[in-house]
PDB file of N, CA and C in Angstrom:
ATOM      1  N   UNK A   1      32.676  12.051   8.778  1.00  0.00           N
ATOM      2  CA  UNK A   1      31.533  11.213   8.693  1.00  0.00           C
ATOM      3  C   UNK A   1      31.554  10.306   7.445  1.00  0.00           C
ATOM      4  N   UNK A   2      31.081   9.112   7.708  1.00  0.00           N
ATOM      5  CA  UNK A   2      31.131   8.039   6.609  1.00  0.00           C
ATOM      6  C   UNK A   2      29.475   7.844   6.188  1.00  0.00           C
ATOM      7  N   UNK A   3      29.470   7.735   4.729  1.00  0.00           N
ATOM      8  CA  UNK A   3      28.162   7.559   4.187  1.00  0.00           C
ATOM      9  C   UNK A   3      27.875   6.237   3.740  1.00  0.00           C
ATOM     10  N   UNK A   4      26.624   5.761   4.102  1.00  0.00           N
ATOM     11  CA  UNK A   4      26.475   4.382   3.670  1.00  0.00           C
ATOM     12  C   UNK A   4      25.111   4.416   3.167  1.00  0.00           C
ATOM     13  N   UNK A   5      24.856   3.278   2.049  1.00  0.00           N
ATOM     14  CA  UNK A   5      23.630   2.917   1.706  1.00  0.00           C
ATOM     15  C   UNK A   5      23.278   1.637   2.038  1.00  0.00           C
ATOM     16  N   UNK A   6      22.049   1.485   2.685  1.00  0.00           N
ATOM     17  CA  UNK A   6      21.650   0.058   3.109  1.00  0.00           C
ATOM     18  C   UNK A   6      20.331   0.025   2.205  1.00  0.00           C
ATOM     19  N   UNK A   7      20.302  -1.284   1.652  1.00  0.00           N
ATOM     20  CA  UNK A   7      19.236  -1.682   0.735  1.00  0.00           C
ATOM     21  C   UNK A   7      18.511  -3.095   1.495  1.00  0.00           C
ATOM     22  N   UNK A   8      17.498  -3.134   1.669  1.00  0.00           N
ATOM     23  CA  UNK A   8      16.780  -4.324   2.195  1.00  0.00           C
ATOM     24  C   UNK A   8      15.667  -4.747   1.696  1.00  0.00           C
ATOM     25  N   UNK A   9      15.366  -5.891   1.811  1.00  0.00           N
ATOM     26  CA  UNK A   9      14.089  -6.590   1.178  1.00  0.00           C
ATOM     27  C   UNK A   9      13.451  -7.217   2.174  1.00  0.00           C
ATOM     28  N   UNK A  10      12.040  -6.692   2.521  1.00  0.00           N
ATOM     29  CA  UNK A  10      11.087  -7.156   3.647  1.00  0.00           C
ATOM     30  C   UNK A  10      10.278  -8.322   2.872  1.00  0.00           C
ATOM     31  N   UNK A  11      10.057  -9.411   3.630  1.00  0.00           N
ATOM     32  CA  UNK A  11       9.063 -10.626   2.924  1.00  0.00           C
ATOM     33  C   UNK A  11       7.786  -9.840   2.754  1.00  0.00           C
ATOM     34  N   UNK A  12       7.311 -10.569   1.558  1.00  0.00           N
ATOM     35  CA  UNK A  12       6.003 -10.148   0.986  1.00  0.00           C
ATOM     36  C   UNK A  12       4.804 -10.577   1.622  1.00  0.00           C
ATOM     37  N   UNK A  13       4.919 -11.577   2.453  1.00  0.00           N
ATOM     38  CA  UNK A  13       3.925 -11.982   3.171  1.00  0.00           C
ATOM     39  C   UNK A  13       3.136 -11.226   4.428  1.00  0.00           C
ATOM     40  N   UNK A  14       3.778  -9.992   4.755  1.00  0.00           N
ATOM     41  CA  UNK A  14       3.350  -9.056   5.667  1.00  0.00           C
ATOM     42  C   UNK A  14       2.300  -8.163   5.031  1.00  0.00           C
ATOM     43  N   UNK A  15       1.543  -7.651   6.063  1.00  0.00           N
ATOM     44  CA  UNK A  15       0.480  -6.677   5.683  1.00  0.00           C
ATOM     45  C   UNK A  15       1.444  -5.234   5.529  1.00  0.00           C
ATOM     46  N   UNK A  16       0.522  -4.308   4.979  1.00  0.00           N
ATOM     47  CA  UNK A  16       1.114  -2.962   4.722  1.00  0.00           C
ATOM     48  C   UNK A  16       1.597  -2.412   5.935  1.00  0.00           C
ATOM     49  N   UNK A  17       0.819  -2.441   7.075  1.00  0.00           N
ATOM     50  CA  UNK A  17       1.216  -1.958   8.515  1.00  0.00           C
ATOM     51  C   UNK A  17       2.292  -2.680   9.083  1.00  0.00           C
ATOM     52  N   UNK A  18       2.519  -4.169   8.849  1.00  0.00           N
ATOM     53  CA  UNK A  18       3.758  -4.679   9.273  1.00  0.00           C
ATOM     54  C   UNK A  18       5.019  -4.289   8.472  1.00  0.00           C
ATOM     55  N   UNK A  19       4.846  -4.014   7.381  1.00  0.00           N
ATOM     56  CA  UNK A  19       6.091  -3.592   6.472  1.00  0.00           C
ATOM     57  C   UNK A  19       6.382  -2.275   7.075  1.00  0.00           C
ATOM     58  N   UNK A  20       5.429  -1.452   7.371  1.00  0.00           N
ATOM     59  CA  UNK A  20       5.965  -0.083   7.822  1.00  0.00           C
ATOM     60  C   UNK A  20       6.495  -0.089   9.113  1.00  0.00           C
ATOM     61  N   UNK A  21       5.895  -1.052   9.930  1.00  0.00           N
ATOM     62  CA  UNK A  21       6.593  -1.272  11.394  1.00  0.00           C
ATOM     63  C   UNK A  21       8.110  -1.706  11.372  1.00  0.00           C
ATOM     64  N   UNK A  22       8.548  -2.771  10.398  1.00  0.00           N
ATOM     65  CA  UNK A  22       9.681  -3.296  10.111  1.00  0.00           C
ATOM     66  C   UNK A  22      10.610  -1.855   9.707  1.00  0.00           C
ATOM     67  N   UNK A  23      10.105  -1.304   8.698  1.00  0.00           N
ATOM     68  CA  UNK A  23      10.981  -0.239   8.232  1.00  0.00           C
ATOM     69  C   UNK A  23      11.091   0.904   9.310  1.00  0.00           C
ATOM     70  N   UNK A  24      10.259   1.227  10.141  1.00  0.00           N
ATOM     71  CA  UNK A  24      10.376   2.039  11.185  1.00  0.00           C
ATOM     72  C   UNK A  24      11.312   1.640  12.178  1.00  0.00           C
ATOM     73  N   UNK A  25      11.161   0.344  12.704  1.00  0.00           N
ATOM     74  CA  UNK A  25      12.007  -0.275  13.543  1.00  0.00           C
ATOM     75  C   UNK A  25      13.413  -0.491  13.314  1.00  0.00           C
ATOM     76  N   UNK A  26      13.903  -0.725  12.087  1.00  0.00           N
ATOM     77  CA  UNK A  26      15.019  -0.826  11.515  1.00  0.00           C
ATOM     78  C   UNK A  26      15.787   0.706  11.398  1.00  0.00           C
ATOM     79  N   UNK A  27      14.959   1.590  10.977  1.00  0.00           N
ATOM     80  CA  UNK A  27      15.264   3.217  11.246  1.00  0.00           C
ATOM     81  C   UNK A  27      15.648   3.500  12.303  1.00  0.00           C
ATOM     82  N   UNK A  28      14.902   3.113  13.440  1.00  0.00           N
ATOM     83  CA  UNK A  28      15.181   3.380  14.745  1.00  0.00           C
ATOM     84  C   UNK A  28      16.512   2.941  15.311  1.00  0.00           C
ATOM     85  N   UNK A  29      16.642   1.662  14.814  1.00  0.00           N
ATOM     86  CA  UNK A  29      17.836   1.005  15.087  1.00  0.00           C
ATOM     87  C   UNK A  29      19.204   1.814  14.799  1.00  0.00           C
ATOM     88  N   UNK A  30      19.253   2.239  13.645  1.00  0.00           N
ATOM     89  CA  UNK A  30      20.245   3.203  12.972  1.00  0.00           C
ATOM     90  C   UNK A  30      20.402   4.525  13.970  1.00  0.00           C
ATOM     91  N   UNK A  31      19.208   5.191  14.168  1.00  0.00           N
ATOM     92  CA  UNK A  31      19.302   6.467  14.627  1.00  0.00           C
ATOM     93  C   UNK A  31      19.635   6.407  16.194  1.00  0.00           C
ATOM     94  N   UNK A  32      19.211   5.311  16.959  1.00  0.00           N
ATOM     95  CA  UNK A  32      19.455   5.162  18.104  1.00  0.00           C
ATOM     96  C   UNK A  32      21.076   4.739  18.325  1.00  0.00           C
ATOM     97  N   UNK A  33      21.653   4.528  17.560  1.00  0.00           N
ATOM     98  CA  UNK A  33      23.232   3.998  17.530  1.00  0.00           C
ATOM     99  C   UNK A  33      24.034   5.047  16.802  1.00  0.00           C
ATOM    100  N   UNK A  34      23.523   6.271  16.706  1.00  0.00           N
ATOM    101  CA  UNK A  34      24.212   7.332  16.266  1.00  0.00           C
ATOM    102  C   UNK A  34      24.360   7.677  14.918  1.00  0.00           C
ATOM    103  N   UNK A  35      23.696   7.036  13.865  1.00  0.00           N
ATOM    104  CA  UNK A  35      23.615   7.316  12.444  1.00  0.00           C
ATOM    105  C   UNK A  35      22.447   8.211  12.236  1.00  0.00           C
ATOM    106  N   UNK A  36      22.591   9.220  11.185  1.00  0.00           N
ATOM    107  CA  UNK A  36      21.809  10.132  10.631  1.00  0.00           C
ATOM    108  C   UNK A  36      21.243   9.384   9.402  1.00  0.00           C
ATOM    109  N   UNK A  37      19.825   9.431   9.218  1.00  0.00           N
ATOM    110  CA  UNK A  37      19.184   8.954   8.044  1.00  0.00           C
ATOM    111  C   UNK A  37      19.047  10.264   7.142  1.00  0.00           C
ATOM    112  N   UNK A  38      19.712  10.245   6.022  1.00  0.00           N
ATOM    113  CA  UNK A  38      19.684  11.426   5.139  1.00  0.00           C
ATOM    114  C   UNK A  38      18.659  11.328   4.024  1.00  0.00           C
ATOM    115  N   UNK A  39      18.108   9.986   3.787  1.00  0.00           N
ATOM    116  CA  UNK A  39      17.426   9.790   2.531  1.00  0.00           C
ATOM    117  C   UNK A  39      16.742   8.484   2.858  1.00  0.00           C
ATOM    118  N   UNK A  40      15.344   8.461   2.623  1.00  0.00           N
ATOM    119  CA  UNK A  40      14.622   6.983   2.692  1.00  0.00           C
ATOM    120  C   UNK A  40      13.920   6.893   1.276  1.00  0.00           C
ATOM    121  N   UNK A  41      14.027   5.670   0.739  1.00  0.00           N
ATOM    122  CA  UNK A  41      13.462   5.414  -0.713  1.00  0.00           C
ATOM    123  C   UNK A  41      12.449   4.124  -0.661  1.00  0.00           C
ATOM    124  N   UNK A  42      11.283   4.159  -0.620  1.00  0.00           N
ATOM    125  CA  UNK A  42      10.387   3.071  -0.748  1.00  0.00           C
ATOM    126  C   UNK A  42      10.352   2.596  -2.136  1.00  0.00           C
ATOM    127  N   UNK A  43      11.016   1.522  -2.459  1.00  0.00           N
ATOM    128  CA  UNK A  43      10.786   1.035  -4.032  1.00  0.00           C
ATOM    129  C   UNK A  43       9.718   0.097  -4.211  1.00  0.00           C
ATOM    130  N   UNK A  44       9.039  -0.133  -3.423  1.00  0.00           N
ATOM    131  CA  UNK A  44       7.787  -0.793  -3.458  1.00  0.00           C
ATOM    132  C   UNK A  44       7.981  -2.532  -3.693  1.00  0.00           C
ATOM    133  N   UNK A  45       7.067  -3.301  -3.874  1.00  0.00           N
ATOM    134  CA  UNK A  45       7.138  -4.653  -4.168  1.00  0.00           C
ATOM    135  C   UNK A  45       7.624  -4.849  -5.566  1.00  0.00           C
ATOM    136  N   UNK A  46       8.705  -5.809  -5.536  1.00  0.00           N
ATOM    137  CA  UNK A  46       9.061  -6.364  -6.991  1.00  0.00           C
ATOM    138  C   UNK A  46       9.481  -7.719  -6.892  1.00  0.00           C
ATOM    139  N   UNK A  47       9.472  -8.220  -8.134  1.00  0.00           N
ATOM    140  CA  UNK A  47       9.753  -9.671  -8.261  1.00  0.00           C
ATOM    141  C   UNK A  47      11.433  -9.901  -8.120  1.00  0.00           C
ATOM    142  N   UNK A  48      11.675 -10.967  -7.490  1.00  0.00           N
ATOM    143  CA  UNK A  48      13.188 -11.251  -7.322  1.00  0.00           C
ATOM    144  C   UNK A  48      13.692 -11.999  -8.493  1.00  0.00           C
ATOM    145  N   UNK A  49      14.984 -11.778  -8.690  1.00  0.00           N
ATOM    146  CA  UNK A  49      15.578 -12.373  -9.630  1.00  0.00           C
ATOM    147  C   UNK A  49      15.628 -13.892  -9.560  1.00  0.00           C
ATOM    148  N   UNK A  50      15.600 -14.461  -8.505  1.00  0.00           N
ATOM    149  CA  UNK A  50      15.432 -15.890  -8.270  1.00  0.00           C
ATOM    150  C   UNK A  50      15.015 -15.836  -6.686  1.00  0.00           C
ATOM    151  N   UNK A  51      14.345 -17.121  -6.423  1.00  0.00           N
ATOM    152  CA  UNK A  51      13.723 -17.335  -5.011  1.00  0.00           C
ATOM    153  C   UNK A  51      14.761 -17.381  -3.813  1.00  0.00           C
ATOM    154  N   UNK A  52      14.305 -16.397  -2.880  1.00  0.00           N
ATOM    155  CA  UNK A  52      15.083 -16.199  -1.703  1.00  0.00           C
ATOM    156  C   UNK A  52      14.074 -16.741  -0.610  1.00  0.00           C
ATOM    157  N   UNK A  53      14.627 -17.777   0.252  1.00  0.00           N
ATOM    158  CA  UNK A  53      13.897 -18.363   1.196  1.00  0.00           C
ATOM    159  C   UNK A  53      12.362 -18.533   1.052  1.00  0.00           C
ATOM    160  N   UNK A  54      12.147 -19.138  -0.272  1.00  0.00           N
ATOM    161  CA  UNK A  54      10.930 -19.423  -0.919  1.00  0.00           C
ATOM    162  C   UNK A  54      10.100 -18.268  -1.299  1.00  0.00           C
ATOM    163  N   UNK A  55      10.648 -17.240  -1.306  1.00  0.00           N
ATOM    164  CA  UNK A  55       9.844 -16.168  -1.825  1.00  0.00           C
ATOM    165  C   UNK A  55      10.142 -15.652  -3.067  1.00  0.00           C
ATOM    166  N   UNK A  56       9.236 -15.127  -3.922  1.00  0.00           N
ATOM    167  CA  UNK A  56       9.555 -14.869  -5.286  1.00  0.00           C
ATOM    168  C   UNK A  56       9.491 -13.424  -5.499  1.00  0.00           C
ATOM    169  N   UNK A  57       9.154 -12.478  -4.468  1.00  0.00           N
ATOM    170  CA  UNK A  57       9.023 -11.031  -4.580  1.00  0.00           C
ATOM    171  C   UNK A  57       9.222 -10.608  -3.141  1.00  0.00           C
ATOM    172  N   UNK A  58       9.155  -9.384  -2.947  1.00  0.00           N
ATOM    173  CA  UNK A  58       9.632  -8.695  -1.681  1.00  0.00           C
ATOM    174  C   UNK A  58       9.351  -7.267  -1.773  1.00  0.00           C
ATOM    175  N   UNK A  59       9.416  -6.472  -0.632  1.00  0.00           N
ATOM    176  CA  UNK A  59       9.314  -4.889  -0.637  1.00  0.00           C
ATOM    177  C   UNK A  59      10.550  -4.373  -0.327  1.00  0.00           C
ATOM    178  N   UNK A  60      11.095  -3.813  -1.464  1.00  0.00           N
ATOM    179  CA  UNK A  60      12.700  -3.068  -1.310  1.00  0.00           C
ATOM    180  C   UNK A  60      12.516  -1.657  -0.626  1.00  0.00           C
ATOM    181  N   UNK A  61      13.636  -1.454   0.079  1.00  0.00           N
ATOM    182  CA  UNK A  61      13.621  -0.129   0.850  1.00  0.00           C
ATOM    183  C   UNK A  61      15.007   0.160   0.952  1.00  0.00           C
ATOM    184  N   UNK A  62      15.274   1.432   0.811  1.00  0.00           N
ATOM    185  CA  UNK A  62      16.692   1.980   0.746  1.00  0.00           C
ATOM    186  C   UNK A  62      16.852   3.118   1.689  1.00  0.00           C
ATOM    187  N   UNK A  63      17.825   2.973   2.629  1.00  0.00           N
ATOM    188  CA  UNK A  63      18.319   4.123   3.435  1.00  0.00           C
ATOM    189  C   UNK A  63      19.533   4.643   3.019  1.00  0.00           C
ATOM    190  N   UNK A  64      19.863   6.076   2.895  1.00  0.00           N
ATOM    191  CA  UNK A  64      20.983   6.618   2.906  1.00  0.00           C
ATOM    192  C   UNK A  64      21.344   7.194   4.323  1.00  0.00           C
ATOM    193  N   UNK A  65      22.409   6.900   4.740  1.00  0.00           N
ATOM    194  CA  UNK A  65      22.852   7.297   6.054  1.00  0.00           C
ATOM    195  C   UNK A  65      24.330   7.761   6.287  1.00  0.00           C
ATOM    196  N   UNK A  66      24.430   8.818   7.410  1.00  0.00           N
ATOM    197  CA  UNK A  66      25.792   9.191   7.668  1.00  0.00           C
ATOM    198  C   UNK A  66      25.902   8.717   9.092  1.00  0.00           C
ATOM    199  N   UNK A  67      27.080   8.303   9.308  1.00  0.00           N
ATOM    200  CA  UNK A  67      27.535   7.871  10.576  1.00  0.00           C
ATOM    201  C   UNK A  67      29.055   8.199  11.140  1.00  0.00           C
ATOM    202  N   UNK A  68      29.235   8.557  12.165  1.00  0.00           N
ATOM    203  CA  UNK A  68      30.708   8.715  12.667  1.00  0.00           C
ATOM    204  C   UNK A  68      31.401   7.533  12.413  1.00  0.00           C
ATOM    205  N   UNK A  69      30.850   6.456  13.103  1.00  0.00           N
ATOM    206  CA  UNK A  69      31.636   5.024  13.079  1.00  0.00           C
ATOM    207  C   UNK A  69      30.829   4.058  12.707  1.00  0.00           C
ATOM    208  N   UNK A  70      31.083   2.791  12.879  1.00  0.00           N
ATOM    209  CA  UNK A  70      30.310   1.675  12.180  1.00  0.00           C
ATOM    210  C   UNK A  70      29.485   1.186  13.200  1.00  0.00           C
ATOM    211  N   UNK A  71      29.308   1.654  14.353  1.00  0.00           N
ATOM    212  CA  UNK A  71      28.394   0.986  15.295  1.00  0.00           C
ATOM    213  C   UNK A  71      26.969   0.665  14.843  1.00  0.00           C
ATOM    214  N   UNK A  72      26.443   1.630  14.322  1.00  0.00           N
ATOM    215  CA  UNK A  72      25.028   1.439  13.807  1.00  0.00           C
ATOM    216  C   UNK A  72      24.888   0.506  12.629  1.00  0.00           C
ATOM    217  N   UNK A  73      25.872   0.701  11.921  1.00  0.00           N
ATOM    218  CA  UNK A  73      25.799  -0.175  10.627  1.00  0.00           C
ATOM    219  C   UNK A  73      25.903  -1.908  11.245  1.00  0.00           C
ATOM    220  N   UNK A  74      26.874  -1.975  12.011  1.00  0.00           N
ATOM    221  CA  UNK A  74      27.039  -3.531  12.713  1.00  0.00           C
ATOM    222  C   UNK A  74      25.773  -3.740  13.523  1.00  0.00           C
ATOM    223  N   UNK A  75      25.016  -3.036  14.116  1.00  0.00           N
ATOM    224  CA  UNK A  75      23.732  -3.348  14.761  1.00  0.00           C
ATOM    225  C   UNK A  75      22.903  -3.678  13.760  1.00  0.00           C
ATOM    226  N   UNK A  76      22.493  -3.008  12.770  1.00  0.00           N
ATOM    227  CA  UNK A  76      21.682  -3.031  11.801  1.00  0.00           C
ATOM    228  C   UNK A  76      21.942  -4.372  11.112  1.00  0.00           C
ATOM    229  N   UNK A  77      23.184  -4.661  10.653  1.00  0.00           N
ATOM    230  CA  UNK A  77      23.566  -5.981  10.150  1.00  0.00           C
ATOM    231  C   UNK A  77      23.304  -7.182  10.883  1.00  0.00           C
ATOM    232  N   UNK A  78      23.596  -7.079  12.342  1.00  0.00           N
ATOM    233  CA  UNK A  78      23.324  -8.138  13.277  1.00  0.00           C
ATOM    234  C   UNK A  78      21.827  -8.415  13.247  1.00  0.00           C
ATOM    235  N   UNK A  79      20.910  -7.325  13.468  1.00  0.00           N
ATOM    236  CA  UNK A  79      19.687  -7.578  13.628  1.00  0.00           C
ATOM    237  C   UNK A  79      19.042  -7.969  12.305  1.00  0.00           C
ATOM    238  N   UNK A  80      19.467  -7.491  11.119  1.00  0.00           N
ATOM    239  CA  UNK A  80      18.962  -7.896   9.929  1.00  0.00           C
ATOM    240  C   UNK A  80      19.116  -9.561   9.471  1.00  0.00           C
ATOM    241  N   UNK A  81      20.155  -9.886  10.047  1.00  0.00           N
ATOM    242  CA  UNK A  81      20.600 -11.322   9.898  1.00  0.00           C
ATOM    243  C   UNK A  81      19.647 -12.120  10.804  1.00  0.00           C
ATOM    244  N   UNK A  82      19.338 -11.592  12.009  1.00  0.00           N
ATOM    245  CA  UNK A  82      18.454 -12.575  12.836  1.00  0.00           C
ATOM    246  C   UNK A  82      16.990 -12.458  12.494  1.00  0.00           C
ATOM    247  N   UNK A  83      16.548 -11.322  11.837  1.00  0.00           N
ATOM    248  CA  UNK A  83      15.125 -11.025  11.493  1.00  0.00           C
ATOM    249  C   UNK A  83      14.596 -11.965  10.589  1.00  0.00           C
ATOM    250  N   UNK A  84      13.272 -12.453  10.631  1.00  0.00           N
ATOM    251  CA  UNK A  84      12.769 -13.350   9.805  1.00  0.00           C
ATOM    252  C   UNK A  84      11.881 -12.405   8.848  1.00  0.00           C
ATOM    253  N   UNK A  85      11.968 -11.159   9.181  1.00  0.00           N
ATOM    254  CA  UNK A  85      11.059 -10.449   8.259  1.00  0.00           C
ATOM    255  C   UNK A  85      11.959  -9.627   7.142  1.00  0.00           C
ATOM    256  N   UNK A  86      13.262  -9.738   7.300  1.00  0.00           N
ATOM    257  CA  UNK A  86      14.059  -9.355   6.233  1.00  0.00           C
ATOM    258  C   UNK A  86      14.583 -10.390   5.506  1.00  0.00           C
ATOM    259  N   UNK A  87      14.366 -10.280   4.207  1.00  0.00           N
ATOM    260  CA  UNK A  87      14.747 -11.605   3.376  1.00  0.00           C
ATOM    261  C   UNK A  87      16.224 -11.455   2.950  1.00  0.00           C
ATOM    262  N   UNK A  88      16.639 -10.164   2.613  1.00  0.00           N
ATOM    263  CA  UNK A  88      18.058  -9.951   2.319  1.00  0.00           C
ATOM    264  C   UNK A  88      18.300  -8.356   2.513  1.00  0.00           C
ATOM    265  N   UNK A  89      19.525  -8.191   2.754  1.00  0.00           N
ATOM    266  CA  UNK A  89      20.371  -6.781   2.946  1.00  0.00           C
ATOM    267  C   UNK A  89      21.445  -6.600   2.386  1.00  0.00           C
ATOM    268  N   UNK A  90      21.762  -5.346   1.948  1.00  0.00           N
ATOM    269  CA  UNK A  90      23.069  -4.993   1.378  1.00  0.00           C
ATOM    270  C   UNK A  90      23.444  -3.604   2.117  1.00  0.00           C
ATOM    271  N   UNK A  91      24.667  -3.782   2.721  1.00  0.00           N
ATOM    272  CA  UNK A  91      25.003  -2.416   3.179  1.00  0.00           C
ATOM    273  C   UNK A  91      26.499  -1.983   2.243  1.00  0.00           C
ATOM    274  N   UNK A  92      26.344  -0.724   1.694  1.00  0.00           N
ATOM    275  CA  UNK A  92      27.409  -0.244   0.785  1.00  0.00           C
ATOM    276  C   UNK A  92      27.992   0.981   1.250  1.00  0.00           C
ATOM    277  N   UNK A  93      29.265   0.937   1.558  1.00  0.00           N
ATOM    278  CA  UNK A  93      29.843   2.374   2.003  1.00  0.00           C
ATOM    279  C   UNK A  93      30.145   3.263   0.724  1.00  0.00           C
ATOM    280  N   UNK A  94      29.603   4.448   0.665  1.00  0.00           N
ATOM    281  CA  UNK A  94      29.849   5.247  -0.330  1.00  0.00           C
ATOM    282  C   UNK A  94      30.883   6.121  -0.375  1.00  0.00           C
ATOM    283  N   UNK A  95      31.588   6.179  -1.348  1.00  0.00           N
ATOM    284  CA  UNK A  95      32.848   7.144  -1.553  1.00  0.00           C
ATOM    285  C   UNK A  95      32.707   8.306  -2.099  1.00  0.00           C
ATOM    286  N   UNK A  96      32.769   9.598  -1.313  1.00  0.00           N
ATOM    287  CA  UNK A  96      32.332  10.778  -1.915  1.00  0.00           C
ATOM    288  C   UNK A  96      33.524  11.393  -2.274  1.00  0.00           C
TER     289      UNK A  96
END
């Protein structure tokens, strides 16, 4: 099993329900593609160090996941790049 950490920033103009839906939908992308979410961390709304896509803040969220292969990771990355609701994301492979 490979361990990954995925941190992503949801745009601040969404309502609380819309933010929860984005988080739930992206979690579902991971689980339907064979990954297991071992930990979820909601870091709340934070100021960005610099403007990204005209936003000065965003809702930070972190997933710790386990996956047999990188299928789920690649699908998450593809959809996050397309999504207008994700301002930025970072996928890190954890070395245990």
